[in-house]
């Protein structure tokens, strides 16, 4: 993967960070090359929300609405990603993968 390095943009001379961009996946891959990182990222996110939801239920006696919503969305995304990768594999079509985390501090 040819992902660029993290970019950190300080807001002023104090060194405070206003924007952080961390690339995760970036490039063109064949279906088999993309299968493991894409599916693993989605499975890891799903696992995080399952654990978060379980912890919330244990602590507060009710599910975490955000984690429940994310679990449903990630489960659907996982199935769609599998289908898309399988289709790309059958048609020998490359996939463009772009993924990252972007954090921006909003000033009031």
Protein backbone atom coordinates (compact mmCIF):
# COMPACT_ATOMS: atom_id res chain seq x y z
CA UNK A 1 0.00 0.00 0.00
CA UNK A 2 1.33 3.39 -0.94
CA UNK A 3 -0.39 5.38 1.77
CA UNK A 4 0.94 8.85 2.44
CA UNK A 5 2.25 9.70 5.87
CA UNK A 6 0.04 11.29 8.49
CA UNK A 7 -0.57 14.95 7.95
CA UNK A 8 -0.80 17.17 10.98
CA UNK A 9 -1.63 20.81 10.52
CA UNK A 10 -0.89 23.00 13.57
CA UNK A 11 -3.23 25.96 13.97
CA UNK A 12 -0.67 28.45 15.21
CA UNK A 13 2.80 28.83 16.67
CA UNK A 14 1.70 27.17 19.92
CA UNK A 15 1.82 23.79 18.17
CA UNK A 16 -1.84 22.98 18.84
CA UNK A 17 -3.24 20.57 16.27
CA UNK A 18 -6.44 21.48 14.45
CA UNK A 19 -6.45 18.74 11.83
CA UNK A 20 -5.12 15.20 11.83
CA UNK A 21 -5.48 12.94 8.80
CA UNK A 22 -4.33 9.32 9.10
CA UNK A 23 -4.49 7.23 5.90
CA UNK A 24 -5.35 3.56 6.34
CA UNK A 25 -5.77 2.22 2.81
CA UNK A 26 -4.88 4.03 -0.36
CA UNK A 27 -4.36 2.59 -3.81
CA UNK A 28 -5.58 0.32 -6.57
CA UNK A 29 -5.70 -3.39 -5.71
CA UNK A 30 -6.99 -6.57 -7.27
CA UNK A 31 -9.86 -8.29 -5.49
CA UNK A 32 -7.72 -10.82 -3.63
CA UNK A 33 -5.29 -8.15 -2.41
CA UNK A 34 -8.17 -6.05 -1.11
CA UNK A 35 -10.15 -8.86 0.56
CA UNK A 36 -8.18 -9.22 3.78
CA UNK A 37 -7.62 -5.55 4.73
CA UNK A 38 -11.15 -4.44 3.83
CA UNK A 39 -12.96 -7.30 5.54
CA UNK A 40 -10.66 -7.21 8.57
CA UNK A 41 -11.19 -3.48 9.09
CA UNK A 42 -14.96 -3.94 8.96
CA UNK A 43 -14.82 -6.98 11.28
CA UNK A 44 -12.64 -5.10 13.76
CA UNK A 45 -15.02 -2.15 13.80
CA UNK A 46 -17.97 -4.50 14.25
CA UNK A 47 -16.19 -6.25 17.12
CA UNK A 48 -15.45 -2.91 18.78
CA UNK A 49 -19.14 -1.96 18.72
CA UNK A 50 -20.25 -5.38 19.94
CA UNK A 51 -17.92 -5.08 22.93
CA UNK A 52 -18.94 -1.48 23.55
CA UNK A 53 -22.62 -2.44 23.45
CA UNK A 54 -22.09 -5.41 25.80
CA UNK A 55 -20.19 -3.19 28.24
CA UNK A 56 -22.94 -0.56 28.10
CA UNK A 57 -25.59 -3.20 28.82
CA UNK A 58 -23.61 -4.54 31.77
CA UNK A 59 -23.05 -1.07 33.24
CA UNK A 60 -26.36 0.63 32.53
CA UNK A 61 -28.79 -2.25 31.92
CA UNK A 62 -29.61 -1.12 28.40
CA UNK A 63 -27.99 -1.26 24.97
CA UNK A 64 -25.90 1.59 23.61
CA UNK A 65 -27.97 3.19 20.81
CA UNK A 66 -24.92 4.41 18.87
CA UNK A 67 -23.24 0.99 18.94
CA UNK A 68 -26.45 -0.78 17.95
CA UNK A 69 -26.83 1.58 14.99
CA UNK A 70 -23.19 1.09 13.99
CA UNK A 71 -23.47 -2.71 14.27
CA UNK A 72 -26.39 -2.74 11.86
CA UNK A 73 -24.58 -0.44 9.40
CA UNK A 74 -21.31 -2.39 9.63
CA UNK A 75 -23.05 -5.76 9.18
CA UNK A 76 -24.65 -4.47 6.00
CA UNK A 77 -21.36 -2.91 4.84
CA UNK A 78 -19.55 -6.20 5.45
CA UNK A 79 -22.01 -8.13 3.28
CA UNK A 80 -21.84 -5.49 0.55
CA UNK A 81 -18.03 -5.47 0.65
CA UNK A 82 -17.92 -9.28 0.32
CA UNK A 83 -20.29 -9.13 -2.64
CA UNK A 84 -18.34 -6.31 -4.31
CA UNK A 85 -14.99 -8.06 -3.84
CA UNK A 86 -16.41 -11.33 -5.19
CA UNK A 87 -17.84 -9.51 -8.21
CA UNK A 88 -14.51 -7.77 -8.85
CA UNK A 89 -12.72 -11.11 -8.53
CA UNK A 90 -15.02 -12.80 -11.06
CA UNK A 91 -14.68 -9.97 -13.56
CA UNK A 92 -10.97 -9.46 -12.88
CA UNK A 93 -11.63 -5.79 -12.13
CA UNK A 94 -9.31 -3.76 -9.86
CA UNK A 95 -10.67 -1.95 -6.82
CA UNK A 96 -9.72 1.50 -5.60
CA UNK A 97 -9.37 1.54 -1.81
CA UNK A 98 -9.37 4.81 0.10
CA UNK A 99 -9.79 4.83 3.83
CA UNK A 100 -8.62 7.02 6.62
CA UNK A 101 -9.40 8.79 9.83
CA UNK A 102 -9.84 12.54 9.78
CA UNK A 103 -10.06 14.48 13.03
CA UNK A 104 -10.72 18.20 13.01
CA UNK A 105 -10.97 20.44 16.03
CA UNK A 106 -13.74 22.99 15.63
CA UNK A 107 -13.12 26.41 17.06
CA UNK A 108 -15.95 28.34 18.59
